[in-house]
Amino acid sequence: MSERQLAQWFSLLVDMLKVGFPLRRALSFAKVIMPKQAPVIDYVATNLSQGISFATAVRPWVTADQAVQLQLAERHGELTQALGELSTYLTLRTKEKQKLRALLQYPVLLLALLVGLGVVLRLYVYPELQSWQAWQLPTGLVMALQALLGALGALGLLGGWRYLAWRRQPRLNQVNALCRLPGVGRLVQLYFSYYLVSNLALLVRQGLSLKEICALLQQAEPTTLLYQLGQQLQVQGSSGAALPALIQSQPCLPDELVALLGRGWTNQQLGQELAVFARLQFQRLTRQVESWLTLVQPVLFLIVALGILGMYLSLLLPIYQSIAVVK
């Protein structure tokens, strides 16, 4: 099941649950509306009839972190809200992917034509130019190209090594490392702050303390972000670290969380404020993604322009040199 289909399915379930349909009846109705997804829906319905939770039943089609989000919501009677939030996020991802593909079509076509032109020049034009005379690139240009290729190779090796090292890190360390990246780190931080604060809002509204929340998160899969974050907060809290220091030590947690948790509200009031803040983070994420998408085409067009300029130079330099020799 694709992300788009999953978003449609969750949205349909939310609509059915909001009007009072039981979950199993909502699944039966969804099978009629989405017949192509009947095997998936039957699988989930069969698991529910065997006493398995909805979050566990849909685990093959959602990420580990999303499964934990659904599990917590289902346990505290807020499955409808969690499904709605997940549907909204998946819909956003689907729309942004479609927009990115649309933005890439024309530049990628130009890049493909540029590569094809380069192959034609290499196979047919350059040999003809070389037959005119023994033309060679200037020594300085050759050295510059060699240095550039060497630098690109070194950067590639370094990037590959850093990626492999990053892959071996626990999930929490991976997320925090991504949050520290220049540029895209802000996107990552906005998404995970939205994800974590929305789950925190759910648990706080149920009257749980920070210690109880950390203990509850230890029941999740050990590879998930919530499990590892709860474990880290529990360890640092037992060592006497203050709550603001705990939050600020994790780049995936927003700094505003310190002020929100220190306002002295009741759990219900705090949960409402956290939910509003999570929605604000999601809106910021949406705007940030849109602003990044507007840069895709200009950057690709710049690459195409540089490629065209390089080809022109590779053609004109030997011609100019031949003319100079004739004169």
C-alpha atoms as a PDB file:
ATOM      1  CA  MET A   1       0.000   0.000   0.000  1.00  0.00           C
ATOM      2  CA  SER A   2       1.442   3.337  -1.071  1.00  0.00           C
ATOM      3  CA  GLU A   3       1.587   6.420   1.147  1.00  0.00           C
ATOM      4  CA  ARG A   4      -1.218   8.034  -0.856  1.00  0.00           C
ATOM      5  CA  GLN A   5      -3.467   4.990  -0.429  1.00  0.00           C
ATOM      6  CA  LEU A   6      -2.572   4.736   3.258  1.00  0.00           C
ATOM      7  CA  ALA A   7      -3.474   8.406   3.763  1.00  0.00           C
ATOM      8  CA  GLN A   8      -6.817   7.897   1.985  1.00  0.00           C
ATOM      9  CA  TRP A   9      -7.559   4.814   4.065  1.00  0.00           C
ATOM     10  CA  PHE A  10      -6.742   6.490   7.375  1.00  0.00           C
ATOM     11  CA  SER A  11      -8.764   9.567   6.377  1.00  0.00           C
ATOM     12  CA  LEU A  12     -11.753   7.362   5.560  1.00  0.00           C
ATOM     13  CA  LEU A  13     -11.443   5.563   8.908  1.00  0.00           C
ATOM     14  CA  VAL A  14     -11.306   8.915  10.709  1.00  0.00           C
ATOM     15  CA  ASP A  15     -14.512  10.065   9.007  1.00  0.00           C
ATOM     16  CA  MET A  16     -16.264   6.817   9.937  1.00  0.00           C
ATOM     17  CA  LEU A  17     -15.047   6.801  13.546  1.00  0.00           C
ATOM     18  CA  LYS A  18     -16.058  10.426  14.065  1.00  0.00           C
ATOM     19  CA  VAL A  19     -19.692   9.663  13.203  1.00  0.00           C
ATOM     20  CA  GLY A  20     -19.775   6.767  15.656  1.00  0.00           C
ATOM     21  CA  PHE A  21     -18.904   3.701  13.571  1.00  0.00           C
ATOM     22  CA  PRO A  22     -17.058   0.916  15.427  1.00  0.00           C
ATOM     23  CA  LEU A  23     -13.580   0.247  14.069  1.00  0.00           C
ATOM     24  CA  ARG A  24     -14.460  -3.149  12.586  1.00  0.00           C
ATOM     25  CA  ARG A  25     -17.507  -1.754  10.792  1.00  0.00           C
ATOM     26  CA  ALA A  26     -15.397   1.135   9.512  1.00  0.00           C
ATOM     27  CA  LEU A  27     -12.944  -1.408   8.107  1.00  0.00           C
ATOM     28  CA  SER A  28     -15.779  -3.298   6.418  1.00  0.00           C
ATOM     29  CA  PHE A  29     -17.035  -0.069   4.827  1.00  0.00           C
ATOM     30  CA  ALA A  30     -13.504   0.878   3.746  1.00  0.00           C
ATOM     31  CA  LYS A  31     -13.197  -2.443   1.912  1.00  0.00           C
ATOM     32  CA  VAL A  32     -16.237  -1.497  -0.193  1.00  0.00           C
ATOM     33  CA  ILE A  33     -14.903   1.983  -0.963  1.00  0.00           C
ATOM     34  CA  MET A  34     -11.324   0.793  -1.610  1.00  0.00           C
ATOM     35  CA  PRO A  35     -11.701  -2.673  -3.207  1.00  0.00           C
ATOM     36  CA  LYS A  36      -8.099  -2.761  -4.441  1.00  0.00           C
ATOM     37  CA  GLN A  37      -6.920  -2.599  -0.830  1.00  0.00           C
ATOM     38  CA  ALA A  38      -9.242  -5.398   0.303  1.00  0.00           C
ATOM     39  CA  PRO A  39      -6.387  -7.856   1.100  1.00  0.00           C
ATOM     40  CA  VAL A  40      -4.751  -5.317   3.423  1.00  0.00           C
ATOM     41  CA  ILE A  41      -8.041  -4.428   5.104  1.00  0.00           C
ATOM     42  CA  ASP A  42      -8.929  -8.127   5.506  1.00  0.00           C
ATOM     43  CA  TYR A  43      -5.535  -8.738   7.096  1.00  0.00           C
ATOM     44  CA  VAL A  44      -6.089  -5.937   9.614  1.00  0.00           C
ATOM     45  CA  ALA A  45      -9.678  -7.039  10.344  1.00  0.00           C
ATOM     46  CA  THR A  46      -8.545 -10.633  10.920  1.00  0.00           C
ATOM     47  CA  ASN A  47      -5.884  -9.478  13.363  1.00  0.00           C
ATOM     48  CA  LEU A  48      -8.423  -7.354  15.238  1.00  0.00           C
ATOM     49  CA  SER A  49     -10.768 -10.344  15.542  1.00  0.00           C
ATOM     50  CA  GLN A  50      -7.894 -12.263  17.145  1.00  0.00           C
ATOM     51  CA  GLY A  51      -7.447  -9.576  19.797  1.00  0.00           C
ATOM     52  CA  ILE A  52      -4.431  -7.894  18.207  1.00  0.00           C
ATOM     53  CA  SER A  53      -4.284  -4.110  18.445  1.00  0.00           C
ATOM     54  CA  PHE A  54      -4.837  -1.910  15.392  1.00  0.00           C
ATOM     55  CA  ALA A  55      -1.334  -0.430  15.702  1.00  0.00           C
ATOM     56  CA  THR A  56       0.199  -3.911  15.578  1.00  0.00           C
ATOM     57  CA  ALA A  57      -2.067  -4.986  12.721  1.00  0.00           C
ATOM     58  CA  VAL A  58      -1.011  -2.093  10.462  1.00  0.00           C
ATOM     59  CA  ARG A  59       2.684  -2.369  11.389  1.00  0.00           C
ATOM     60  CA  PRO A  60       3.719  -3.793   7.956  1.00  0.00           C
ATOM     61  CA  TRP A  61       2.554  -0.561   6.268  1.00  0.00           C
ATOM     62  CA  VAL A  62       3.766   2.114   8.690  1.00  0.00           C
ATOM     63  CA  THR A  63       7.160   2.989  10.122  1.00  0.00           C
ATOM     64  CA  ALA A  64       8.200   1.908  13.607  1.00  0.00           C
ATOM     65  CA  ASP A  65       7.804   5.465  14.938  1.00  0.00           C
ATOM     66  CA  GLN A  66       4.334   5.786  13.389  1.00  0.00           C
ATOM     67  CA  ALA A  67       3.338   2.431  14.894  1.00  0.00           C
ATOM     68  CA  VAL A  68       4.337   3.676  18.360  1.00  0.00           C
ATOM     69  CA  GLN A  69       2.288   6.832  17.803  1.00  0.00           C
ATOM     70  CA  LEU A  70      -0.791   4.740  16.937  1.00  0.00           C
ATOM     71  CA  GLN A  71      -0.126   2.360  19.820  1.00  0.00           C
ATOM     72  CA  LEU A  72      -0.028   5.156  22.396  1.00  0.00           C
ATOM     73  CA  ALA A  73      -3.140   6.784  20.961  1.00  0.00           C
ATOM     74  CA  GLU A  74      -5.053   3.498  20.845  1.00  0.00           C
ATOM     75  CA  ARG A  75      -4.123   2.706  24.428  1.00  0.00           C
ATOM     76  CA  HIS A  76      -5.460   6.075  25.634  1.00  0.00           C
ATOM     77  CA  GLY A  77      -8.599   6.207  23.497  1.00  0.00           C
ATOM     78  CA  GLU A  78      -7.384   8.786  20.964  1.00  0.00           C
ATOM     79  CA  LEU A  79      -6.906   6.577  17.928  1.00  0.00           C
ATOM     80  CA  THR A  80      -9.165   8.780  15.791  1.00  0.00           C
ATOM     81  CA  GLN A  81      -7.037  11.865  16.408  1.00  0.00           C
ATOM     82  CA  ALA A  82      -3.779   9.984  15.794  1.00  0.00           C
ATOM     83  CA  LEU A  83      -5.120   8.549  12.533  1.00  0.00           C
ATOM     84  CA  GLY A  84      -6.180  12.041  11.474  1.00  0.00           C
ATOM     85  CA  GLU A  85      -2.745  13.505  12.204  1.00  0.00           C
ATOM     86  CA  LEU A  86      -0.991  10.651  10.419  1.00  0.00           C
ATOM     87  CA  SER A  87      -3.324  10.970   7.433  1.00  0.00           C
ATOM     88  CA  THR A  88      -2.604  14.706   7.213  1.00  0.00           C
ATOM     89  CA  TYR A  89       1.145  14.113   7.335  1.00  0.00           C
ATOM     90  CA  LEU A  90       1.064  11.340   4.721  1.00  0.00           C
ATOM     91  CA  THR A  91      -1.099  13.506   2.463  1.00  0.00           C
ATOM     92  CA  LEU A  92       1.427  16.328   2.762  1.00  0.00           C
ATOM     93  CA  ARG A  93       4.290  13.969   1.909  1.00  0.00           C
ATOM     94  CA  THR A  94       2.401  12.673  -1.119  1.00  0.00           C
ATOM     95  CA  LYS A  95       1.623  16.169  -2.405  1.00  0.00           C
ATOM     96  CA  GLU A  96       5.185  17.378  -1.914  1.00  0.00           C
ATOM     97  CA  LYS A  97       6.579  14.327  -3.718  1.00  0.00           C
ATOM     98  CA  GLN A  98       4.220  14.951  -6.637  1.00  0.00           C
ATOM     99  CA  LYS A  99       5.231  18.601  -6.727  1.00  0.00           C
ATOM    100  CA  LEU A 100       8.913  17.683  -6.596  1.00  0.00           C
ATOM    101  CA  ARG A 101       8.494  15.256  -9.492  1.00  0.00           C
ATOM    102  CA  ALA A 102       6.720  17.961 -11.503  1.00  0.00           C
ATOM    103  CA  LEU A 103       9.524  20.430 -10.769  1.00  0.00           C
ATOM    104  CA  LEU A 104      12.179  17.905 -11.751  1.00  0.00           C
ATOM    105  CA  GLN A 105      10.683  16.835 -15.086  1.00  0.00           C
ATOM    106  CA  TYR A 106      11.943  19.706 -17.262  1.00  0.00           C
ATOM    107  CA  PRO A 107      15.400  20.151 -15.649  1.00  0.00           C
ATOM    108  CA  VAL A 108      16.016  16.385 -15.698  1.00  0.00           C
ATOM    109  CA  LEU A 109      15.041  16.304 -19.388  1.00  0.00           C
ATOM    110  CA  LEU A 110      17.555  19.079 -20.061  1.00  0.00           C
ATOM    111  CA  LEU A 111      20.222  17.213 -18.096  1.00  0.00           C
ATOM    112  CA  ALA A 112      19.528  14.047 -20.099  1.00  0.00           C
ATOM    113  CA  LEU A 113      19.831  15.980 -23.370  1.00  0.00           C
ATOM    114  CA  LEU A 114      23.033  17.561 -22.092  1.00  0.00           C
ATOM    115  CA  VAL A 115      24.504  14.162 -21.269  1.00  0.00           C
ATOM    116  CA  GLY A 116      23.473  12.878 -24.701  1.00  0.00           C
ATOM    117  CA  LEU A 117      25.104  15.876 -26.349  1.00  0.00           C
ATOM    118  CA  GLY A 118      28.257  15.262 -24.342  1.00  0.00           C
ATOM    119  CA  VAL A 119      28.384  11.643 -25.546  1.00  0.00           C
ATOM    120  CA  VAL A 120      27.964  12.758 -29.177  1.00  0.00           C
ATOM    121  CA  LEU A 121      30.731  15.333 -28.792  1.00  0.00           C
ATOM    122  CA  ARG A 122      33.031  12.803 -27.169  1.00  0.00           C
ATOM    123  CA  LEU A 123      32.490  10.139 -29.837  1.00  0.00           C
ATOM    124  CA  TYR A 124      32.332  12.203 -33.015  1.00  0.00           C
ATOM    125  CA  VAL A 125      33.315  15.861 -32.608  1.00  0.00           C
ATOM    126  CA  TYR A 126      36.379  15.715 -30.361  1.00  0.00           C
ATOM    127  CA  PRO A 127      38.182  13.092 -32.505  1.00  0.00           C
ATOM    128  CA  GLU A 128      37.626  15.330 -35.539  1.00  0.00           C
ATOM    129  CA  LEU A 129      39.059  18.329 -33.703  1.00  0.00           C
ATOM    130  CA  GLN A 130      42.076  16.321 -32.640  1.00  0.00           C
ATOM    131  CA  SER A 131      42.691  15.336 -36.254  1.00  0.00           C
ATOM    132  CA  TRP A 132      43.176  19.009 -37.127  1.00  0.00           C
ATOM    133  CA  GLN A 133      46.186  19.265 -34.912  1.00  0.00           C
ATOM    134  CA  ALA A 134      47.636  17.890 -31.738  1.00  0.00           C
ATOM    135  CA  TRP A 135      45.621  20.158 -29.500  1.00  0.00           C
ATOM    136  CA  GLN A 136      45.853  19.860 -25.738  1.00  0.00           C
ATOM    137  CA  LEU A 137      44.234  21.620 -22.849  1.00  0.00           C
ATOM    138  CA  PRO A 138      46.376  24.269 -21.163  1.00  0.00           C
ATOM    139  CA  THR A 139      48.498  22.823 -18.358  1.00  0.00           C
ATOM    140  CA  GLY A 140      46.897  25.073 -15.741  1.00  0.00           C
ATOM    141  CA  LEU A 141      43.411  23.982 -16.758  1.00  0.00           C
ATOM    142  CA  VAL A 142      44.410  20.312 -16.663  1.00  0.00           C
ATOM    143  CA  MET A 143      45.808  20.716 -13.151  1.00  0.00           C
ATOM    144  CA  ALA A 144      42.667  22.549 -12.034  1.00  0.00           C
ATOM    145  CA  LEU A 145      40.445  19.776 -13.413  1.00  0.00           C
ATOM    146  CA  GLN A 146      42.567  17.109 -11.742  1.00  0.00           C
ATOM    147  CA  ALA A 147      42.391  18.965  -8.427  1.00  0.00           C
ATOM    148  CA  LEU A 148      38.620  19.327  -8.778  1.00  0.00           C
ATOM    149  CA  LEU A 149      38.144  15.631  -9.537  1.00  0.00           C
ATOM    150  CA  GLY A 150      40.413  14.702  -6.639  1.00  0.00           C
ATOM    151  CA  ALA A 151      38.487  16.944  -4.253  1.00  0.00           C
ATOM    152  CA  LEU A 152      35.156  15.503  -5.429  1.00  0.00           C
ATOM    153  CA  GLY A 153      36.474  11.971  -4.971  1.00  0.00           C
ATOM    154  CA  ALA A 154      37.726  12.751  -1.467  1.00  0.00           C
ATOM    155  CA  LEU A 155      34.411  14.345  -0.548  1.00  0.00           C
ATOM    156  CA  GLY A 156      32.580  11.300  -1.902  1.00  0.00           C
ATOM    157  CA  LEU A 157      34.701   8.910   0.169  1.00  0.00           C
ATOM    158  CA  LEU A 158      34.310  11.065   3.277  1.00  0.00           C
ATOM    159  CA  GLY A 159      30.558  11.310   2.741  1.00  0.00           C
ATOM    160  CA  GLY A 160      30.263   7.540   2.293  1.00  0.00           C
ATOM    161  CA  TRP A 161      32.268   6.894   5.455  1.00  0.00           C
ATOM    162  CA  ARG A 162      30.169   9.374   7.451  1.00  0.00           C
ATOM    163  CA  TYR A 163      26.960   7.821   6.119  1.00  0.00           C
ATOM    164  CA  LEU A 164      28.017   4.305   7.122  1.00  0.00           C
ATOM    165  CA  ALA A 165      28.997   5.581  10.579  1.00  0.00           C
ATOM    166  CA  TRP A 166      25.633   7.365  10.859  1.00  0.00           C
ATOM    167  CA  ARG A 167      23.751   4.192   9.872  1.00  0.00           C
ATOM    168  CA  ARG A 168      25.349   2.290  12.753  1.00  0.00           C
ATOM    169  CA  GLN A 169      24.167   4.837  15.333  1.00  0.00           C
ATOM    170  CA  PRO A 170      21.008   4.372  17.463  1.00  0.00           C
ATOM    171  CA  ARG A 171      17.850   6.008  16.120  1.00  0.00           C
ATOM    172  CA  LEU A 172      18.020   8.945  18.568  1.00  0.00           C
ATOM    173  CA  ASN A 173      21.613   9.749  17.605  1.00  0.00           C
ATOM    174  CA  GLN A 174      20.697   9.523  13.920  1.00  0.00           C
ATOM    175  CA  VAL A 175      17.860  12.022  14.329  1.00  0.00           C
ATOM    176  CA  ASN A 176      19.949  14.439  16.410  1.00  0.00           C
ATOM    177  CA  ALA A 177      22.752  14.286  13.829  1.00  0.00           C
ATOM    178  CA  LEU A 178      20.283  15.132  11.051  1.00  0.00           C
ATOM    179  CA  CYS A 179      18.922  18.036  13.102  1.00  0.00           C
ATOM    180  CA  ARG A 180      22.436  19.522  13.291  1.00  0.00           C
ATOM    181  CA  LEU A 181      22.925  19.545   9.510  1.00  0.00           C
ATOM    182  CA  PRO A 182      23.053  23.007   7.922  1.00  0.00           C
ATOM    183  CA  GLY A 183      19.993  23.880   5.878  1.00  0.00           C
ATOM    184  CA  VAL A 184      17.986  20.654   5.838  1.00  0.00           C
ATOM    185  CA  GLY A 185      18.509  20.188   9.578  1.00  0.00           C
ATOM    186  CA  ARG A 186      15.763  22.734  10.199  1.00  0.00           C
ATOM    187  CA  LEU A 187      13.295  20.614   8.207  1.00  0.00           C
ATOM    188  CA  VAL A 188      14.229  17.510  10.178  1.00  0.00           C
ATOM    189  CA  GLN A 189      13.966  19.372  13.486  1.00  0.00           C
ATOM    190  CA  LEU A 190      10.511  20.735  12.624  1.00  0.00           C
ATOM    191  CA  TYR A 191       9.161  17.320  11.692  1.00  0.00           C
ATOM    192  CA  PHE A 192      10.453  15.495  14.754  1.00  0.00           C
ATOM    193  CA  SER A 193       9.473  18.304  17.111  1.00  0.00           C
ATOM    194  CA  TYR A 194       5.950  18.055  15.675  1.00  0.00           C
ATOM    195  CA  TYR A 195       5.990  14.270  16.042  1.00  0.00           C
ATOM    196  CA  LEU A 196       7.367  14.233  19.587  1.00  0.00           C
ATOM    197  CA  VAL A 197       5.302  17.146  20.946  1.00  0.00           C
ATOM    198  CA  SER A 198       2.051  15.742  19.520  1.00  0.00           C
ATOM    199  CA  ASN A 199       2.720  12.431  21.290  1.00  0.00           C
ATOM    200  CA  LEU A 200       3.688  14.270  24.477  1.00  0.00           C
ATOM    201  CA  ALA A 201       0.430  16.230  24.327  1.00  0.00           C
ATOM    202  CA  LEU A 202      -1.504  12.969  24.098  1.00  0.00           C
ATOM    203  CA  LEU A 203       0.196  11.486  27.165  1.00  0.00           C
ATOM    204  CA  VAL A 204       0.025  14.674  29.240  1.00  0.00           C
ATOM    205  CA  ARG A 205      -3.735  14.949  28.632  1.00  0.00           C
ATOM    206  CA  GLN A 206      -4.051  11.502  30.209  1.00  0.00           C
ATOM    207  CA  GLY A 207      -2.567  12.873  33.451  1.00  0.00           C
ATOM    208  CA  LEU A 208       0.811  11.124  33.202  1.00  0.00           C
ATOM    209  CA  SER A 209       3.893  12.616  34.839  1.00  0.00           C
ATOM    210  CA  LEU A 210       7.260  12.804  33.090  1.00  0.00           C
ATOM    211  CA  LYS A 211       8.479   9.773  35.015  1.00  0.00           C
ATOM    212  CA  GLU A 212       5.382   7.786  34.034  1.00  0.00           C
ATOM    213  CA  ILE A 213       5.752   8.877  30.402  1.00  0.00           C
ATOM    214  CA  CYS A 214       9.363   7.693  30.299  1.00  0.00           C
ATOM    215  CA  ALA A 215       8.344   4.364  31.839  1.00  0.00           C
ATOM    216  CA  LEU A 216       5.527   3.985  29.304  1.00  0.00           C
ATOM    217  CA  LEU A 217       7.841   4.674  26.376  1.00  0.00           C
ATOM    218  CA  GLN A 218      10.058   1.793  27.503  1.00  0.00           C
ATOM    219  CA  GLN A 219       7.288  -0.542  26.311  1.00  0.00           C
ATOM    220  CA  ALA A 220       7.804   0.527  22.690  1.00  0.00           C
ATOM    221  CA  GLU A 221      10.158  -1.153  20.222  1.00  0.00           C
ATOM    222  CA  PRO A 222      13.785  -0.545  21.281  1.00  0.00           C
ATOM    223  CA  THR A 223      14.670   0.720  17.797  1.00  0.00           C
ATOM    224  CA  THR A 224      12.090   3.537  17.858  1.00  0.00           C
ATOM    225  CA  LEU A 225      12.819   7.177  18.582  1.00  0.00           C
ATOM    226  CA  LEU A 226      10.308   7.416  21.440  1.00  0.00           C
ATOM    227  CA  TYR A 227      11.816   4.418  23.250  1.00  0.00           C
ATOM    228  CA  GLN A 228      15.365   5.745  23.018  1.00  0.00           C
ATOM    229  CA  LEU A 229      14.354   9.294  23.931  1.00  0.00           C
ATOM    230  CA  GLY A 230      12.427   8.057  26.964  1.00  0.00           C
ATOM    231  CA  GLN A 231      15.396   5.955  28.014  1.00  0.00           C
ATOM    232  CA  GLN A 232      17.788   8.898  27.630  1.00  0.00           C
ATOM    233  CA  LEU A 233      15.557  11.249  29.615  1.00  0.00           C
ATOM    234  CA  GLN A 234      15.132   8.622  32.315  1.00  0.00           C
ATOM    235  CA  VAL A 235      18.893   8.110  32.645  1.00  0.00           C
ATOM    236  CA  GLN A 236      19.670  11.827  32.719  1.00  0.00           C
ATOM    237  CA  GLY A 237      16.785  12.500  35.103  1.00  0.00           C
ATOM    238  CA  SER A 238      17.988   9.852  37.559  1.00  0.00           C
ATOM    239  CA  SER A 239      21.415  11.517  37.559  1.00  0.00           C
ATOM    240  CA  GLY A 240      19.846  14.774  38.785  1.00  0.00           C
ATOM    241  CA  ALA A 241      19.850  16.796  35.561  1.00  0.00           C
ATOM    242  CA  ALA A 242      17.295  19.628  35.380  1.00  0.00           C
ATOM    243  CA  LEU A 243      14.420  19.389  32.899  1.00  0.00           C
ATOM    244  CA  PRO A 244      15.534  22.406  30.792  1.00  0.00           C
ATOM    245  CA  ALA A 245      18.994  20.871  30.449  1.00  0.00           C
ATOM    246  CA  LEU A 246      17.432  17.551  29.440  1.00  0.00           C
ATOM    247  CA  ILE A 247      15.411  19.201  26.677  1.00  0.00           C
ATOM    248  CA  GLN A 248      18.223  21.409  25.405  1.00  0.00           C
ATOM    249  CA  SER A 249      20.575  18.424  25.190  1.00  0.00           C
ATOM    250  CA  GLN A 250      18.350  16.894  22.494  1.00  0.00           C
ATOM    251  CA  PRO A 251      18.339  18.832  19.176  1.00  0.00           C
ATOM    252  CA  CYS A 252      15.171  17.030  18.094  1.00  0.00           C
ATOM    253  CA  LEU A 253      13.244  18.710  20.931  1.00  0.00           C
ATOM    254  CA  PRO A 254      12.203  22.361  20.410  1.00  0.00           C
ATOM    255  CA  ASP A 255      13.523  24.977  22.828  1.00  0.00           C
ATOM    256  CA  GLU A 256       9.974  26.317  23.276  1.00  0.00           C
ATOM    257  CA  LEU A 257       9.171  23.129  25.174  1.00  0.00           C
ATOM    258  CA  VAL A 258      11.067  24.444  28.205  1.00  0.00           C
ATOM    259  CA  ALA A 259       8.793  27.493  28.470  1.00  0.00           C
ATOM    260  CA  LEU A 260       5.626  25.463  27.849  1.00  0.00           C
ATOM    261  CA  LEU A 261       6.413  22.903  30.538  1.00  0.00           C
ATOM    262  CA  GLY A 262       7.318  25.626  33.046  1.00  0.00           C
ATOM    263  CA  ARG A 263       4.006  27.499  32.903  1.00  0.00           C
ATOM    264  CA  GLY A 264       2.476  25.606  35.830  1.00  0.00           C
ATOM    265  CA  TRP A 265      -0.754  24.593  34.068  1.00  0.00           C
ATOM    266  CA  THR A 266      -2.775  21.503  34.854  1.00  0.00           C
ATOM    267  CA  ASN A 267      -2.143  18.435  32.720  1.00  0.00           C
ATOM    268  CA  GLN A 268      -5.290  19.060  30.670  1.00  0.00           C
ATOM    269  CA  GLN A 269      -4.359  22.691  29.976  1.00  0.00           C
ATOM    270  CA  LEU A 270      -0.745  21.788  29.235  1.00  0.00           C
ATOM    271  CA  GLY A 271      -1.872  19.018  26.898  1.00  0.00           C
ATOM    272  CA  GLN A 272      -4.026  21.473  24.954  1.00  0.00           C
ATOM    273  CA  GLU A 273      -1.162  23.966  24.631  1.00  0.00           C
ATOM    274  CA  LEU A 274       1.222  21.240  23.504  1.00  0.00           C
ATOM    275  CA  ALA A 275      -1.295  20.089  20.883  1.00  0.00           C
ATOM    276  CA  VAL A 276      -1.599  23.650  19.542  1.00  0.00           C
ATOM    277  CA  PHE A 277       2.188  24.006  19.470  1.00  0.00           C
ATOM    278  CA  ALA A 278       2.501  20.705  17.588  1.00  0.00           C
ATOM    279  CA  ARG A 279       0.080  21.992  14.930  1.00  0.00           C
ATOM    280  CA  LEU A 280       2.126  25.201  14.654  1.00  0.00           C
ATOM    281  CA  GLN A 281       5.275  23.152  14.115  1.00  0.00           C
ATOM    282  CA  PHE A 282       3.512  21.204  11.373  1.00  0.00           C
ATOM    283  CA  GLN A 283       2.480  24.449   9.670  1.00  0.00           C
ATOM    284  CA  ARG A 284       6.061  25.710   9.886  1.00  0.00           C
ATOM    285  CA  LEU A 285       7.253  22.437   8.393  1.00  0.00           C
ATOM    286  CA  THR A 286       4.828  22.834   5.487  1.00  0.00           C
ATOM    287  CA  ARG A 287       6.007  26.380   4.760  1.00  0.00           C
ATOM    288  CA  GLN A 288       9.662  25.365   5.023  1.00  0.00           C
ATOM    289  CA  VAL A 289       9.203  22.497   2.573  1.00  0.00           C
ATOM    290  CA  GLU A 290       7.459  24.832   0.124  1.00  0.00           C
ATOM    291  CA  SER A 291      10.331  27.320   0.321  1.00  0.00           C
ATOM    292  CA  TRP A 292      12.876  24.567  -0.332  1.00  0.00           C
ATOM    293  CA  LEU A 293      10.935  23.284  -3.324  1.00  0.00           C
ATOM    294  CA  THR A 294      11.082  26.722  -4.939  1.00  0.00           C
ATOM    295  CA  LEU A 295      14.895  26.386  -5.026  1.00  0.00           C
ATOM    296  CA  VAL A 296      14.945  23.047  -6.855  1.00  0.00           C
ATOM    297  CA  GLN A 297      14.473  24.300 -10.409  1.00  0.00           C
ATOM    298  CA  PRO A 298      16.868  27.297 -10.186  1.00  0.00           C
ATOM    299  CA  VAL A 299      19.658  25.087  -8.834  1.00  0.00           C
ATOM    300  CA  LEU A 300      19.157  22.469 -11.545  1.00  0.00           C
ATOM    301  CA  PHE A 301      18.988  25.123 -14.262  1.00  0.00           C
ATOM    302  CA  LEU A 302      22.270  26.542 -12.948  1.00  0.00           C
ATOM    303  CA  ILE A 303      23.861  23.095 -13.229  1.00  0.00           C
ATOM    304  CA  VAL A 304      22.556  22.762 -16.798  1.00  0.00           C
ATOM    305  CA  ALA A 305      23.904  26.227 -17.669  1.00  0.00           C
ATOM    306  CA  LEU A 306      27.342  25.358 -16.291  1.00  0.00           C
ATOM    307  CA  GLY A 307      27.325  22.122 -18.277  1.00  0.00           C
ATOM    308  CA  ILE A 308      26.445  23.963 -21.494  1.00  0.00           C
ATOM    309  CA  LEU A 309      29.160  26.533 -20.805  1.00  0.00           C
ATOM    310  CA  GLY A 310      31.701  23.770 -20.280  1.00  0.00           C
ATOM    311  CA  MET A 311      30.770  22.129 -23.590  1.00  0.00           C
ATOM    312  CA  TYR A 312      31.031  25.416 -25.459  1.00  0.00           C
ATOM    313  CA  LEU A 313      34.484  25.994 -24.015  1.00  0.00           C
ATOM    314  CA  SER A 314      35.587  22.477 -24.908  1.00  0.00           C
ATOM    315  CA  LEU A 315      34.531  23.148 -28.513  1.00  0.00           C
ATOM    316  CA  LEU A 316      35.687  26.728 -28.920  1.00  0.00           C
ATOM    317  CA  LEU A 317      39.095  26.522 -27.235  1.00  0.00           C
ATOM    318  CA  PRO A 318      40.622  24.130 -29.806  1.00  0.00           C
ATOM    319  CA  ILE A 319      39.023  26.087 -32.668  1.00  0.00           C
ATOM    320  CA  TYR A 320      40.425  29.386 -31.399  1.00  0.00           C
ATOM    321  CA  GLN A 321      43.818  27.797 -30.885  1.00  0.00           C
ATOM    322  CA  SER A 322      43.778  26.452 -34.444  1.00  0.00           C
ATOM    323  CA  ILE A 323      42.902  29.917 -35.793  1.00  0.00           C
ATOM    324  CA  ALA A 324      45.730  31.446 -33.774  1.00  0.00           C
ATOM    325  CA  VAL A 325      48.193  28.915 -35.169  1.00  0.00           C
ATOM    326  CA  VAL A 326      47.052  29.659 -38.738  1.00  0.00           C
ATOM    327  CA  LYS A 327      47.520  33.401 -38.230  1.00  0.00           C
END
